[in-house]
Amino acid sequence: MSAKNALVVEDENIVALDIKNNLHDLWFNVPYLNSYGEEAVNKAFENQLDFIMMDIILKGKIDGLEAAQKILETFNIPIIFLTANNKKVLDST
């Protein structure tokens, strides 16, 4: 059984590493961790991913929602959103 490839996009390094370790324990390959929406878009275009775990608030010019929108315009990759801040989610609705 081959491992599924996941991308973790999280701006808090300790949280990103914890997610990576938990996914690894569940037999997922996490070849990249990053904290920028722009990088997430680039990695989605460069790699075959089975899913993405995306924080909503990220470093850089675009947030996780905008990065996900750009990715979903081209790929049918499931995206699981993460956030510790409910203000951004509530303001988006």
PDB file of N, CA and C in Angstrom:
ATOM      1  N   MET A   1       0.842  -1.177   0.000  1.00  0.00           N
ATOM      2  CA  MET A   1       0.000   0.000   0.000  1.00  0.00           C
ATOM      3  C   MET A   1       0.883   1.234   0.000  1.00  0.00           C
ATOM      4  N   SER A   2       0.710   2.110  -0.985  1.00  0.00           N
ATOM      5  CA  SER A   2       1.540   3.306  -1.049  1.00  0.00           C
ATOM      6  C   SER A   2       0.918   4.428  -0.235  1.00  0.00           C
ATOM      7  N   ALA A   3       1.775   5.245   0.334  1.00  0.00           N
ATOM      8  CA  ALA A   3       1.315   6.351   1.166  1.00  0.00           C
ATOM      9  C   ALA A   3       0.682   7.432   0.302  1.00  0.00           C
ATOM     10  N   LYS A   4      -0.300   8.087   0.847  1.00  0.00           N
ATOM     11  CA  LYS A   4      -0.938   9.233   0.195  1.00  0.00           C
ATOM     12  C   LYS A   4      -0.102  10.472   0.487  1.00  0.00           C
ATOM     13  N   ASN A   5      -0.059  11.383  -0.466  1.00  0.00           N
ATOM     14  CA  ASN A   5       0.713  12.613  -0.314  1.00  0.00           C
ATOM     15  C   ASN A   5      -0.174  13.754   0.156  1.00  0.00           C
ATOM     16  N   ALA A   6       0.268  14.406   1.211  1.00  0.00           N
ATOM     17  CA  ALA A   6      -0.469  15.537   1.769  1.00  0.00           C
ATOM     18  C   ALA A   6       0.441  16.749   1.847  1.00  0.00           C
ATOM     19  N   LEU A   7      -0.151  17.907   1.692  1.00  0.00           N
ATOM     20  CA  LEU A   7       0.558  19.165   1.874  1.00  0.00           C
ATOM     21  C   LEU A   7      -0.020  19.837   3.104  1.00  0.00           C
ATOM     22  N   VAL A   8       0.842  20.270   4.012  1.00  0.00           N
ATOM     23  CA  VAL A   8       0.406  20.985   5.203  1.00  0.00           C
ATOM     24  C   VAL A   8       0.833  22.438   5.047  1.00  0.00           C
ATOM     25  N   VAL A   9      -0.152  23.331   5.106  1.00  0.00           N
ATOM     26  CA  VAL A   9       0.099  24.765   4.974  1.00  0.00           C
ATOM     27  C   VAL A   9      -0.350  25.412   6.279  1.00  0.00           C
ATOM     28  N   GLU A  10       0.613  25.774   7.104  1.00  0.00           N
ATOM     29  CA  GLU A  10       0.341  26.283   8.456  1.00  0.00           C
ATOM     30  C   GLU A  10       1.455  27.242   8.829  1.00  0.00           C
ATOM     31  N   ASP A  11       1.108  28.426   9.328  1.00  0.00           N
ATOM     32  CA  ASP A  11       2.129  29.428   9.633  1.00  0.00           C
ATOM     33  C   ASP A  11       2.765  29.278  11.010  1.00  0.00           C
ATOM     34  N   GLU A  12       2.230  28.417  11.845  1.00  0.00           N
ATOM     35  CA  GLU A  12       2.844  28.139  13.149  1.00  0.00           C
ATOM     36  C   GLU A  12       3.656  26.852  13.017  1.00  0.00           C
ATOM     37  N   ASN A  13       4.980  26.965  13.095  1.00  0.00           N
ATOM     38  CA  ASN A  13       5.857  25.817  12.847  1.00  0.00           C
ATOM     39  C   ASN A  13       5.582  24.625  13.752  1.00  0.00           C
ATOM     40  N   ILE A  14       5.373  24.868  15.026  1.00  0.00           N
ATOM     41  CA  ILE A  14       5.155  23.752  15.951  1.00  0.00           C
ATOM     42  C   ILE A  14       3.842  23.033  15.630  1.00  0.00           C
ATOM     43  N   VAL A  15       2.826  23.777  15.214  1.00  0.00           N
ATOM     44  CA  VAL A  15       1.550  23.170  14.825  1.00  0.00           C
ATOM     45  C   VAL A  15       1.731  22.368  13.542  1.00  0.00           C
ATOM     46  N   ALA A  16       2.453  22.934  12.581  1.00  0.00           N
ATOM     47  CA  ALA A  16       2.696  22.239  11.308  1.00  0.00           C
ATOM     48  C   ALA A  16       3.438  20.927  11.536  1.00  0.00           C
ATOM     49  N   LEU A  17       4.456  20.943  12.391  1.00  0.00           N
ATOM     50  CA  LEU A  17       5.206  19.718  12.677  1.00  0.00           C
ATOM     51  C   LEU A  17       4.345  18.686  13.391  1.00  0.00           C
ATOM     52  N   ASP A  18       3.482  19.143  14.278  1.00  0.00           N
ATOM     53  CA  ASP A  18       2.588  18.218  14.976  1.00  0.00           C
ATOM     54  C   ASP A  18       1.618  17.563  13.990  1.00  0.00           C
ATOM     55  N   ILE A  19       1.062  18.346  13.087  1.00  0.00           N
ATOM     56  CA  ILE A  19       0.161  17.797  12.069  1.00  0.00           C
ATOM     57  C   ILE A  19       0.909  16.803  11.198  1.00  0.00           C
ATOM     58  N   LYS A  20       2.124  17.177  10.778  1.00  0.00           N
ATOM     59  CA  LYS A  20       2.933  16.281   9.944  1.00  0.00           C
ATOM     60  C   LYS A  20       3.183  14.957  10.654  1.00  0.00           C
ATOM     61  N   ASN A  21       3.568  15.018  11.911  1.00  0.00           N
ATOM     62  CA  ASN A  21       3.845  13.794  12.666  1.00  0.00           C
ATOM     63  C   ASN A  21       2.598  12.925  12.827  1.00  0.00           C
ATOM     64  N   ASN A  22       1.461  13.558  13.071  1.00  0.00           N
ATOM     65  CA  ASN A  22       0.214  12.793  13.195  1.00  0.00           C
ATOM     66  C   ASN A  22      -0.175  12.145  11.876  1.00  0.00           C
ATOM     67  N   LEU A  23      -0.002  12.861  10.778  1.00  0.00           N
ATOM     68  CA  LEU A  23      -0.299  12.280   9.466  1.00  0.00           C
ATOM     69  C   LEU A  23       0.664  11.142   9.146  1.00  0.00           C
ATOM     70  N   HIS A  24       1.928  11.323   9.508  1.00  0.00           N
ATOM     71  CA  HIS A  24       2.919  10.270   9.282  1.00  0.00           C
ATOM     72  C   HIS A  24       2.535   8.993  10.050  1.00  0.00           C
ATOM     73  N   ASP A  25       2.059   9.168  11.278  1.00  0.00           N
ATOM     74  CA  ASP A  25       1.620   8.013  12.072  1.00  0.00           C
ATOM     75  C   ASP A  25       0.445   7.285  11.413  1.00  0.00           C
ATOM     76  N   LEU A  26      -0.299   8.016  10.587  1.00  0.00           N
ATOM     77  CA  LEU A  26      -1.442   7.434   9.874  1.00  0.00           C
ATOM     78  C   LEU A  26      -1.068   7.009   8.454  1.00  0.00           C
ATOM     79  N   TRP A  27       0.218   6.898   8.181  1.00  0.00           N
ATOM     80  CA  TRP A  27       0.763   6.428   6.901  1.00  0.00           C
ATOM     81  C   TRP A  27       0.597   7.419   5.750  1.00  0.00           C
ATOM     82  N   PHE A  28       0.597   8.709   6.055  1.00  0.00           N
ATOM     83  CA  PHE A  28       0.569   9.731   5.013  1.00  0.00           C
ATOM     84  C   PHE A  28       1.964  10.302   4.833  1.00  0.00           C
ATOM     85  N   ASN A  29       2.334  10.551   3.600  1.00  0.00           N
ATOM     86  CA  ASN A  29       3.593  11.202   3.274  1.00  0.00           C
ATOM     87  C   ASN A  29       3.340  12.706   3.224  1.00  0.00           C
ATOM     88  N   VAL A  30       4.129  13.469   3.967  1.00  0.00           N
ATOM     89  CA  VAL A  30       4.017  14.929   3.970  1.00  0.00           C
ATOM     90  C   VAL A  30       5.377  15.484   3.539  1.00  0.00           C
ATOM     91  N   PRO A  31       5.579  15.608   2.227  1.00  0.00           N
ATOM     92  CA  PRO A  31       6.895  16.021   1.743  1.00  0.00           C
ATOM     93  C   PRO A  31       7.202  17.498   1.959  1.00  0.00           C
ATOM     94  N   TYR A  32       6.170  18.310   2.167  1.00  0.00           N
ATOM     95  CA  TYR A  32       6.392  19.750   2.292  1.00  0.00           C
ATOM     96  C   TYR A  32       5.533  20.333   3.399  1.00  0.00           C
ATOM     97  N   LEU A  33       6.130  21.268   4.106  1.00  0.00           N
ATOM     98  CA  LEU A  33       5.418  22.124   5.050  1.00  0.00           C
ATOM     99  C   LEU A  33       5.689  23.546   4.584  1.00  0.00           C
ATOM    100  N   ASN A  34       4.681  24.382   4.566  1.00  0.00           N
ATOM    101  CA  ASN A  34       4.953  25.785   4.284  1.00  0.00           C
ATOM    102  C   ASN A  34       3.928  26.669   4.958  1.00  0.00           C
ATOM    103  N   SER A  35       4.222  27.950   4.999  1.00  0.00           N
ATOM    104  CA  SER A  35       3.367  28.880   5.713  1.00  0.00           C
ATOM    105  C   SER A  35       2.890  30.045   4.847  1.00  0.00           C
ATOM    106  N   TYR A  36       3.047  29.912   3.551  1.00  0.00           N
ATOM    107  CA  TYR A  36       2.645  30.967   2.616  1.00  0.00           C
ATOM    108  C   TYR A  36       1.630  30.428   1.610  1.00  0.00           C
ATOM    109  N   GLY A  37       0.580  31.197   1.367  1.00  0.00           N
ATOM    110  CA  GLY A  37      -0.422  30.802   0.396  1.00  0.00           C
ATOM    111  C   GLY A  37       0.144  30.638  -0.996  1.00  0.00           C
ATOM    112  N   GLU A  38       1.063  31.537  -1.371  1.00  0.00           N
ATOM    113  CA  GLU A  38       1.681  31.463  -2.693  1.00  0.00           C
ATOM    114  C   GLU A  38       2.441  30.152  -2.881  1.00  0.00           C
ATOM    115  N   GLU A  39       3.156  29.736  -1.848  1.00  0.00           N
ATOM    116  CA  GLU A  39       3.895  28.463  -1.905  1.00  0.00           C
ATOM    117  C   GLU A  39       2.943  27.283  -2.026  1.00  0.00           C
ATOM    118  N   ALA A  40       1.819  27.347  -1.330  1.00  0.00           N
ATOM    119  CA  ALA A  40       0.840  26.260  -1.401  1.00  0.00           C
ATOM    120  C   ALA A  40       0.347  26.086  -2.829  1.00  0.00           C
ATOM    121  N   VAL A  41       0.073  27.192  -3.495  1.00  0.00           N
ATOM    122  CA  VAL A  41      -0.383  27.127  -4.891  1.00  0.00           C
ATOM    123  C   VAL A  41       0.703  26.509  -5.756  1.00  0.00           C
ATOM    124  N   ASN A  42       1.939  26.959  -5.587  1.00  0.00           N
ATOM    125  CA  ASN A  42       3.052  26.416  -6.377  1.00  0.00           C
ATOM    126  C   ASN A  42       3.248  24.923  -6.130  1.00  0.00           C
ATOM    127  N   LYS A  43       3.202  24.506  -4.872  1.00  0.00           N
ATOM    128  CA  LYS A  43       3.394  23.084  -4.553  1.00  0.00           C
ATOM    129  C   LYS A  43       2.264  22.234  -5.120  1.00  0.00           C
ATOM    130  N   ALA A  44       1.063  22.761  -5.143  1.00  0.00           N
ATOM    131  CA  ALA A  44      -0.054  22.014  -5.724  1.00  0.00           C
ATOM    132  C   ALA A  44       0.155  21.804  -7.222  1.00  0.00           C
ATOM    133  N   PHE A  45       0.753  22.789  -7.882  1.00  0.00           N
ATOM    134  CA  PHE A  45       1.007  22.667  -9.313  1.00  0.00           C
ATOM    135  C   PHE A  45       2.205  21.765  -9.601  1.00  0.00           C
ATOM    136  N   GLU A  46       3.151  21.681  -8.681  1.00  0.00           N
ATOM    137  CA  GLU A  46       4.384  20.914  -8.890  1.00  0.00           C
ATOM    138  C   GLU A  46       4.283  19.457  -8.480  1.00  0.00           C
ATOM    139  N   ASN A  47       3.319  19.100  -7.644  1.00  0.00           N
ATOM    140  CA  ASN A  47       3.281  17.763  -7.044  1.00  0.00           C
ATOM    141  C   ASN A  47       1.915  17.127  -7.175  1.00  0.00           C
ATOM    142  N   GLN A  48       1.907  15.807  -7.128  1.00  0.00           N
ATOM    143  CA  GLN A  48       0.648  15.074  -7.096  1.00  0.00           C
ATOM    144  C   GLN A  48       0.247  14.912  -5.636  1.00  0.00           C
ATOM    145  N   LEU A  49      -0.777  15.640  -5.249  1.00  0.00           N
ATOM    146  CA  LEU A  49      -1.230  15.630  -3.867  1.00  0.00           C
ATOM    147  C   LEU A  49      -2.584  14.958  -3.767  1.00  0.00           C
ATOM    148  N   ASP A  50      -2.777  14.243  -2.669  1.00  0.00           N
ATOM    149  CA  ASP A  50      -4.059  13.604  -2.421  1.00  0.00           C
ATOM    150  C   ASP A  50      -4.980  14.493  -1.593  1.00  0.00           C
ATOM    151  N   PHE A  51      -4.397  15.345  -0.760  1.00  0.00           N
ATOM    152  CA  PHE A  51      -5.176  16.344  -0.046  1.00  0.00           C
ATOM    153  C   PHE A  51      -4.258  17.397   0.553  1.00  0.00           C
ATOM    154  N   ILE A  52      -4.873  18.497   0.958  1.00  0.00           N
ATOM    155  CA  ILE A  52      -4.143  19.619   1.550  1.00  0.00           C
ATOM    156  C   ILE A  52      -4.810  19.977   2.868  1.00  0.00           C
ATOM    157  N   MET A  53      -3.995  20.203   3.886  1.00  0.00           N
ATOM    158  CA  MET A  53      -4.487  20.767   5.143  1.00  0.00           C
ATOM    159  C   MET A  53      -4.012  22.213   5.163  1.00  0.00           C
ATOM    160  N   MET A  54      -4.965  23.146   5.125  1.00  0.00           N
ATOM    161  CA  MET A  54      -4.663  24.556   4.904  1.00  0.00           C
ATOM    162  C   MET A  54      -5.166  25.422   6.049  1.00  0.00           C
ATOM    163  N   ASP A  55      -4.247  26.152   6.654  1.00  0.00           N
ATOM    164  CA  ASP A  55      -4.637  27.158   7.631  1.00  0.00           C
ATOM    165  C   ASP A  55      -5.278  28.315   6.871  1.00  0.00           C
ATOM    166  N   ILE A  56      -6.203  28.998   7.477  1.00  0.00           N
ATOM    167  CA  ILE A  56      -6.869  30.111   6.810  1.00  0.00           C
ATOM    168  C   ILE A  56      -6.005  31.365   6.849  1.00  0.00           C
ATOM    169  N   ILE A  57      -5.379  31.627   7.976  1.00  0.00           N
ATOM    170  CA  ILE A  57      -4.543  32.819   8.104  1.00  0.00           C
ATOM    171  C   ILE A  57      -3.087  32.399   7.934  1.00  0.00           C
ATOM    172  N   LEU A  58      -2.467  32.932   6.880  1.00  0.00           N
ATOM    173  CA  LEU A  58      -1.093  32.552   6.524  1.00  0.00           C
ATOM    174  C   LEU A  58      -0.208  33.774   6.373  1.00  0.00           C
ATOM    175  N   LYS A  59       1.076  33.534   6.285  1.00  0.00           N
ATOM    176  CA  LYS A  59       2.026  34.589   5.953  1.00  0.00           C
ATOM    177  C   LYS A  59       1.927  34.861   4.455  1.00  0.00           C
ATOM    178  N   GLY A  60       2.414  35.990   4.034  1.00  0.00           N
ATOM    179  CA  GLY A  60       2.434  36.284   2.604  1.00  0.00           C
ATOM    180  C   GLY A  60       1.274  37.140   2.144  1.00  0.00           C
ATOM    181  N   LYS A  61       1.141  37.236   0.839  1.00  0.00           N
ATOM    182  CA  LYS A  61       0.159  38.133   0.232  1.00  0.00           C
ATOM    183  C   LYS A  61      -1.245  37.554   0.144  1.00  0.00           C
ATOM    184  N   ILE A  62      -1.370  36.224   0.131  1.00  0.00           N
ATOM    185  CA  ILE A  62      -2.702  35.629   0.040  1.00  0.00           C
ATOM    186  C   ILE A  62      -2.940  34.697   1.223  1.00  0.00           C
ATOM    187  N   ASP A  63      -4.193  34.661   1.674  1.00  0.00           N
ATOM    188  CA  ASP A  63      -4.533  33.788   2.800  1.00  0.00           C
ATOM    189  C   ASP A  63      -4.894  32.396   2.298  1.00  0.00           C
ATOM    190  N   GLY A  64      -5.239  31.520   3.221  1.00  0.00           N
ATOM    191  CA  GLY A  64      -5.546  30.148   2.867  1.00  0.00           C
ATOM    192  C   GLY A  64      -6.788  29.993   2.007  1.00  0.00           C
ATOM    193  N   LEU A  65      -7.764  30.868   2.206  1.00  0.00           N
ATOM    194  CA  LEU A  65      -8.980  30.800   1.398  1.00  0.00           C
ATOM    195  C   LEU A  65      -8.688  31.150  -0.057  1.00  0.00           C
ATOM    196  N   GLU A  66      -7.902  32.193  -0.262  1.00  0.00           N
ATOM    197  CA  GLU A  66      -7.545  32.597  -1.622  1.00  0.00           C
ATOM    198  C   GLU A  66      -6.642  31.554  -2.285  1.00  0.00           C
ATOM    199  N   ALA A  67      -5.705  31.009  -1.526  1.00  0.00           N
ATOM    200  CA  ALA A  67      -4.832  29.956  -2.068  1.00  0.00           C
ATOM    201  C   ALA A  67      -5.662  28.746  -2.478  1.00  0.00           C
ATOM    202  N   ALA A  68      -6.605  28.356  -1.638  1.00  0.00           N
ATOM    203  CA  ALA A  68      -7.465  27.207  -1.953  1.00  0.00           C
ATOM    204  C   ALA A  68      -8.279  27.472  -3.211  1.00  0.00           C
ATOM    205  N   GLN A  69      -8.790  28.680  -3.350  1.00  0.00           N
ATOM    206  CA  GLN A  69      -9.571  29.023  -4.534  1.00  0.00           C
ATOM    207  C   GLN A  69      -8.726  28.877  -5.795  1.00  0.00           C
ATOM    208  N   LYS A  70      -7.475  29.352  -5.749  1.00  0.00           N
ATOM    209  CA  LYS A  70      -6.587  29.234  -6.906  1.00  0.00           C
ATOM    210  C   LYS A  70      -6.276  27.768  -7.224  1.00  0.00           C
ATOM    211  N   ILE A  71      -6.079  26.980  -6.198  1.00  0.00           N
ATOM    212  CA  ILE A  71      -5.788  25.553  -6.400  1.00  0.00           C
ATOM    213  C   ILE A  71      -7.006  24.839  -6.985  1.00  0.00           C
ATOM    214  N   LEU A  72      -8.180  25.128  -6.445  1.00  0.00           N
ATOM    215  CA  LEU A  72      -9.393  24.438  -6.884  1.00  0.00           C
ATOM    216  C   LEU A  72      -9.844  24.845  -8.282  1.00  0.00           C
ATOM    217  N   GLU A  73      -9.358  25.977  -8.786  1.00  0.00           N
ATOM    218  CA  GLU A  73      -9.665  26.375 -10.163  1.00  0.00           C
ATOM    219  C   GLU A  73      -9.053  25.396 -11.162  1.00  0.00           C
ATOM    220  N   THR A  74      -7.974  24.702 -10.765  1.00  0.00           N
ATOM    221  CA  THR A  74      -7.262  23.798 -11.663  1.00  0.00           C
ATOM    222  C   THR A  74      -7.348  22.340 -11.234  1.00  0.00           C
ATOM    223  N   PHE A  75      -7.295  22.084  -9.948  1.00  0.00           N
ATOM    224  CA  PHE A  75      -7.213  20.714  -9.451  1.00  0.00           C
ATOM    225  C   PHE A  75      -8.415  20.363  -8.588  1.00  0.00           C
ATOM    226  N   ASN A  76      -8.735  19.105  -8.567  1.00  0.00           N
ATOM    227  CA  ASN A  76      -9.786  18.588  -7.701  1.00  0.00           C
ATOM    228  C   ASN A  76      -9.133  17.919  -6.502  1.00  0.00           C
ATOM    229  N   ILE A  77      -8.440  18.720  -5.703  1.00  0.00           N
ATOM    230  CA  ILE A  77      -7.741  18.218  -4.522  1.00  0.00           C
ATOM    231  C   ILE A  77      -8.572  18.580  -3.293  1.00  0.00           C
ATOM    232  N   PRO A  78      -8.933  17.607  -2.475  1.00  0.00           N
ATOM    233  CA  PRO A  78      -9.654  17.938  -1.241  1.00  0.00           C
ATOM    234  C   PRO A  78      -8.795  18.827  -0.342  1.00  0.00           C
ATOM    235  N   ILE A  79      -9.425  19.844   0.223  1.00  0.00           N
ATOM    236  CA  ILE A  79      -8.725  20.764   1.122  1.00  0.00           C
ATOM    237  C   ILE A  79      -9.461  20.789   2.451  1.00  0.00           C
ATOM    238  N   ILE A  80      -8.706  20.544   3.508  1.00  0.00           N
ATOM    239  CA  ILE A  80      -9.232  20.602   4.869  1.00  0.00           C
ATOM    240  C   ILE A  80      -8.716  21.901   5.471  1.00  0.00           C
ATOM    241  N   PHE A  81      -9.625  22.775   5.893  1.00  0.00           N
ATOM    242  CA  PHE A  81      -9.220  24.056   6.457  1.00  0.00           C
ATOM    243  C   PHE A  81      -9.003  23.943   7.957  1.00  0.00           C
ATOM    244  N   LEU A  82      -7.989  24.664   8.417  1.00  0.00           N
ATOM    245  CA  LEU A  82      -7.649  24.734   9.830  1.00  0.00           C
ATOM    246  C   LEU A  82      -7.604  26.202  10.240  1.00  0.00           C
ATOM    247  N   THR A  83      -7.998  26.493  11.444  1.00  0.00           N
ATOM    248  CA  THR A  83      -7.791  27.837  11.967  1.00  0.00           C
ATOM    249  C   THR A  83      -7.959  27.837  13.476  1.00  0.00           C
ATOM    250  N   ALA A  84      -7.251  28.736  14.107  1.00  0.00           N
ATOM    251  CA  ALA A  84      -7.434  28.951  15.533  1.00  0.00           C
ATOM    252  C   ALA A  84      -8.121  30.292  15.752  1.00  0.00           C
ATOM    253  N   ASN A  85      -8.444  30.976  14.653  1.00  0.00           N
ATOM    254  CA  ASN A  85      -9.035  32.295  14.718  1.00  0.00           C
ATOM    255  C   ASN A  85     -10.401  32.263  14.049  1.00  0.00           C
ATOM    256  N   ASN A  86     -11.475  32.451  14.802  1.00  0.00           N
ATOM    257  CA  ASN A  86     -12.807  32.384  14.213  1.00  0.00           C
ATOM    258  C   ASN A  86     -13.255  33.696  13.605  1.00  0.00           C
ATOM    259  N   LYS A  87     -12.551  34.800  13.845  1.00  0.00           N
ATOM    260  CA  LYS A  87     -12.956  36.091  13.283  1.00  0.00           C
ATOM    261  C   LYS A  87     -12.914  36.076  11.765  1.00  0.00           C
ATOM    262  N   LYS A  88     -11.860  35.554  11.176  1.00  0.00           N
ATOM    263  CA  LYS A  88     -11.729  35.510   9.724  1.00  0.00           C
ATOM    264  C   LYS A  88     -12.846  34.664   9.115  1.00  0.00           C
ATOM    265  N   VAL A  89     -13.161  33.553   9.724  1.00  0.00           N
ATOM    266  CA  VAL A  89     -14.208  32.680   9.202  1.00  0.00           C
ATOM    267  C   VAL A  89     -15.556  33.397   9.285  1.00  0.00           C
ATOM    268  N   LEU A  90     -15.855  34.034  10.406  1.00  0.00           N
ATOM    269  CA  LEU A  90     -17.127  34.719  10.569  1.00  0.00           C
ATOM    270  C   LEU A  90     -17.254  35.914   9.637  1.00  0.00           C
ATOM    271  N   ASP A  91     -16.164  36.639   9.380  1.00  0.00           N
ATOM    272  CA  ASP A  91     -16.201  37.794   8.501  1.00  0.00           C
ATOM    273  C   ASP A  91     -16.378  37.380   7.039  1.00  0.00           C
ATOM    274  N   SER A  92     -16.051  36.146   6.686  1.00  0.00           N
ATOM    275  CA  SER A  92     -16.130  35.680   5.311  1.00  0.00           C
ATOM    276  C   SER A  92     -17.532  35.247   4.906  1.00  0.00           C
ATOM    277  N   THR A  93     -18.415  35.065   5.861  1.00  0.00           N
ATOM    278  CA  THR A  93     -19.746  34.545   5.540  1.00  0.00           C
ATOM    279  C   THR A  93     -20.736  35.633   5.264  1.00  0.00           C
TER     280      THR A  93
END
